[in-house]
Amino acid sequence: MKAHKYWSIGALITMICTFLTGHIENHMIHASFGMIVLICMIMSVYSGHKMTSRKN
């Protein structure tokens, strides 16, 4: 559960940075933040899926 929370917070922060760098028009940093957001979102979905699909 902690991993899901941390990945979600990381994704939120990098999404905000991606939005801001998109307005500054610094394309290299914008692309880097986009890739980081993608990784954070994949890990957040994966950890959330592991958290909800546990068999008791």
N, C-alpha and C. Protein backbone atom coordinates (compact mmCIF):
# COMPACT_ATOMS: atom_id res chain seq x y z
N MET A 1 0.82 -1.19 0.00
CA MET A 1 0.00 0.00 0.00
C MET A 1 0.86 1.25 0.00
N LYS A 2 1.99 1.21 0.71
CA LYS A 2 2.86 2.37 0.73
C LYS A 2 3.44 2.63 -0.65
N ALA A 3 3.80 1.56 -1.37
CA ALA A 3 4.37 1.72 -2.70
C ALA A 3 3.38 2.42 -3.63
N HIS A 4 2.11 2.05 -3.55
CA HIS A 4 1.09 2.66 -4.40
C HIS A 4 0.98 4.15 -4.09
N LYS A 5 1.00 4.49 -2.81
CA LYS A 5 0.89 5.90 -2.41
C LYS A 5 2.08 6.70 -2.94
N TYR A 6 3.28 6.16 -2.81
CA TYR A 6 4.47 6.88 -3.26
C TYR A 6 4.52 7.02 -4.76
N TRP A 7 4.16 5.96 -5.49
CA TRP A 7 4.15 6.05 -6.95
C TRP A 7 3.09 7.05 -7.41
N SER A 8 1.95 7.09 -6.74
CA SER A 8 0.89 8.03 -7.11
C SER A 8 1.32 9.47 -6.86
N ILE A 9 1.98 9.73 -5.74
CA ILE A 9 2.49 11.07 -5.45
C ILE A 9 3.55 11.46 -6.46
N GLY A 10 4.44 10.53 -6.80
CA GLY A 10 5.47 10.80 -7.80
C GLY A 10 4.86 11.12 -9.16
N ALA A 11 3.82 10.38 -9.52
CA ALA A 11 3.15 10.63 -10.80
C ALA A 11 2.50 12.01 -10.80
N LEU A 12 1.87 12.38 -9.70
CA LEU A 12 1.23 13.69 -9.62
C LEU A 12 2.25 14.81 -9.75
N ILE A 13 3.35 14.70 -9.05
CA ILE A 13 4.39 15.74 -9.11
C ILE A 13 4.96 15.86 -10.51
N THR A 14 5.26 14.73 -11.15
CA THR A 14 5.82 14.80 -12.49
C THR A 14 4.80 15.25 -13.53
N MET A 15 3.51 14.97 -13.31
CA MET A 15 2.49 15.50 -14.21
C MET A 15 2.44 17.02 -14.14
N ILE A 16 2.53 17.55 -12.93
CA ILE A 16 2.54 19.01 -12.76
C ILE A 16 3.77 19.60 -13.45
N CYS A 17 4.93 18.98 -13.28
CA CYS A 17 6.15 19.46 -13.92
C CYS A 17 6.05 19.35 -15.44
N THR A 18 5.43 18.29 -15.95
CA THR A 18 5.24 18.14 -17.39
C THR A 18 4.35 19.25 -17.92
N PHE A 19 3.29 19.55 -17.19
CA PHE A 19 2.39 20.64 -17.59
C PHE A 19 3.12 21.97 -17.62
N LEU A 20 3.91 22.24 -16.58
CA LEU A 20 4.63 23.52 -16.51
C LEU A 20 5.70 23.64 -17.59
N THR A 21 6.47 22.57 -17.82
CA THR A 21 7.51 22.64 -18.85
C THR A 21 6.91 22.68 -20.25
N GLY A 22 5.69 22.20 -20.42
CA GLY A 22 5.01 22.32 -21.71
C GLY A 22 4.69 23.77 -22.03
N HIS A 23 4.39 24.57 -21.01
CA HIS A 23 4.11 25.98 -21.22
C HIS A 23 5.39 26.80 -21.40
N ILE A 24 6.49 26.31 -20.84
CA ILE A 24 7.77 27.00 -21.01
C ILE A 24 8.37 26.67 -22.38
N GLU A 25 7.91 25.60 -22.99
CA GLU A 25 8.36 25.13 -24.29
C GLU A 25 9.81 24.66 -24.29
N ASN A 26 10.22 24.02 -23.24
CA ASN A 26 11.53 23.37 -23.20
C ASN A 26 11.28 21.90 -23.52
N HIS A 27 11.42 21.54 -24.78
CA HIS A 27 10.95 20.24 -25.26
C HIS A 27 11.72 19.05 -24.69
N MET A 28 13.02 19.18 -24.47
CA MET A 28 13.79 18.04 -23.96
C MET A 28 13.38 17.70 -22.53
N ILE A 29 13.26 18.70 -21.69
CA ILE A 29 12.82 18.46 -20.30
C ILE A 29 11.37 17.98 -20.29
N HIS A 30 10.55 18.55 -21.16
CA HIS A 30 9.15 18.15 -21.25
C HIS A 30 9.03 16.67 -21.62
N ALA A 31 9.83 16.23 -22.57
CA ALA A 31 9.81 14.82 -22.98
C ALA A 31 10.30 13.92 -21.85
N SER A 32 11.32 14.38 -21.12
CA SER A 32 11.84 13.59 -20.00
C SER A 32 10.79 13.43 -18.91
N PHE A 33 10.12 14.52 -18.55
CA PHE A 33 9.07 14.42 -17.54
C PHE A 33 7.92 13.55 -18.03
N GLY A 34 7.63 13.60 -19.31
CA GLY A 34 6.59 12.74 -19.88
C GLY A 34 6.92 11.27 -19.71
N MET A 35 8.16 10.89 -19.95
CA MET A 35 8.57 9.50 -19.78
C MET A 35 8.52 9.09 -18.30
N ILE A 36 8.94 9.99 -17.42
CA ILE A 36 8.90 9.70 -15.98
C ILE A 36 7.46 9.52 -15.52
N VAL A 37 6.56 10.38 -16.02
CA VAL A 37 5.14 10.25 -15.68
C VAL A 37 4.60 8.90 -16.13
N LEU A 38 4.96 8.49 -17.33
CA LEU A 38 4.50 7.21 -17.85
C LEU A 38 4.96 6.06 -16.96
N ILE A 39 6.22 6.09 -16.55
CA ILE A 39 6.76 5.04 -15.67
C ILE A 39 6.04 5.05 -14.32
N CYS A 40 5.87 6.24 -13.74
CA CYS A 40 5.18 6.34 -12.44
C CYS A 40 3.74 5.86 -12.53
N MET A 41 3.04 6.21 -13.61
CA MET A 41 1.66 5.77 -13.74
C MET A 41 1.56 4.27 -13.92
N ILE A 42 2.47 3.68 -14.70
CA ILE A 42 2.47 2.22 -14.87
C ILE A 42 2.72 1.54 -13.54
N MET A 43 3.69 2.02 -12.78
CA MET A 43 3.99 1.41 -11.48
C MET A 43 2.84 1.63 -10.49
N SER A 44 2.19 2.78 -10.56
CA SER A 44 1.05 3.04 -9.68
C SER A 44 -0.11 2.11 -9.98
N VAL A 45 -0.41 1.92 -11.27
CA VAL A 45 -1.49 1.01 -11.65
C VAL A 45 -1.13 -0.42 -11.26
N TYR A 46 0.13 -0.81 -11.49
CA TYR A 46 0.57 -2.16 -11.16
C TYR A 46 0.48 -2.43 -9.65
N SER A 47 0.99 -1.48 -8.84
CA SER A 47 0.94 -1.69 -7.38
C SER A 47 -0.49 -1.63 -6.86
N GLY A 48 -1.33 -0.79 -7.47
CA GLY A 48 -2.74 -0.74 -7.09
C GLY A 48 -3.46 -2.03 -7.44
N HIS A 49 -3.11 -2.59 -8.60
CA HIS A 49 -3.72 -3.86 -9.01
C HIS A 49 -3.28 -4.98 -8.07
N LYS A 50 -2.01 -5.00 -7.70
CA LYS A 50 -1.53 -6.02 -6.74
C LYS A 50 -2.24 -5.86 -5.40
N MET A 51 -2.49 -4.62 -4.99
CA MET A 51 -3.11 -4.35 -3.70
C MET A 51 -4.57 -4.81 -3.68
N THR A 52 -5.28 -4.62 -4.79
CA THR A 52 -6.71 -4.95 -4.80
C THR A 52 -6.99 -6.40 -5.21
N SER A 53 -6.03 -7.07 -5.84
CA SER A 53 -6.31 -8.43 -6.31
C SER A 53 -5.73 -9.51 -5.39
N ARG A 54 -5.46 -9.17 -4.16
CA ARG A 54 -4.95 -10.19 -3.23
C ARG A 54 -6.05 -11.19 -2.90
N LYS A 55 -5.64 -12.43 -2.83
CA LYS A 55 -6.58 -13.49 -2.46
C LYS A 55 -6.39 -13.80 -0.99
N ASN A 56 -7.47 -13.72 -0.24
CA ASN A 56 -7.41 -13.98 1.21
C ASN A 56 -7.78 -15.42 1.50
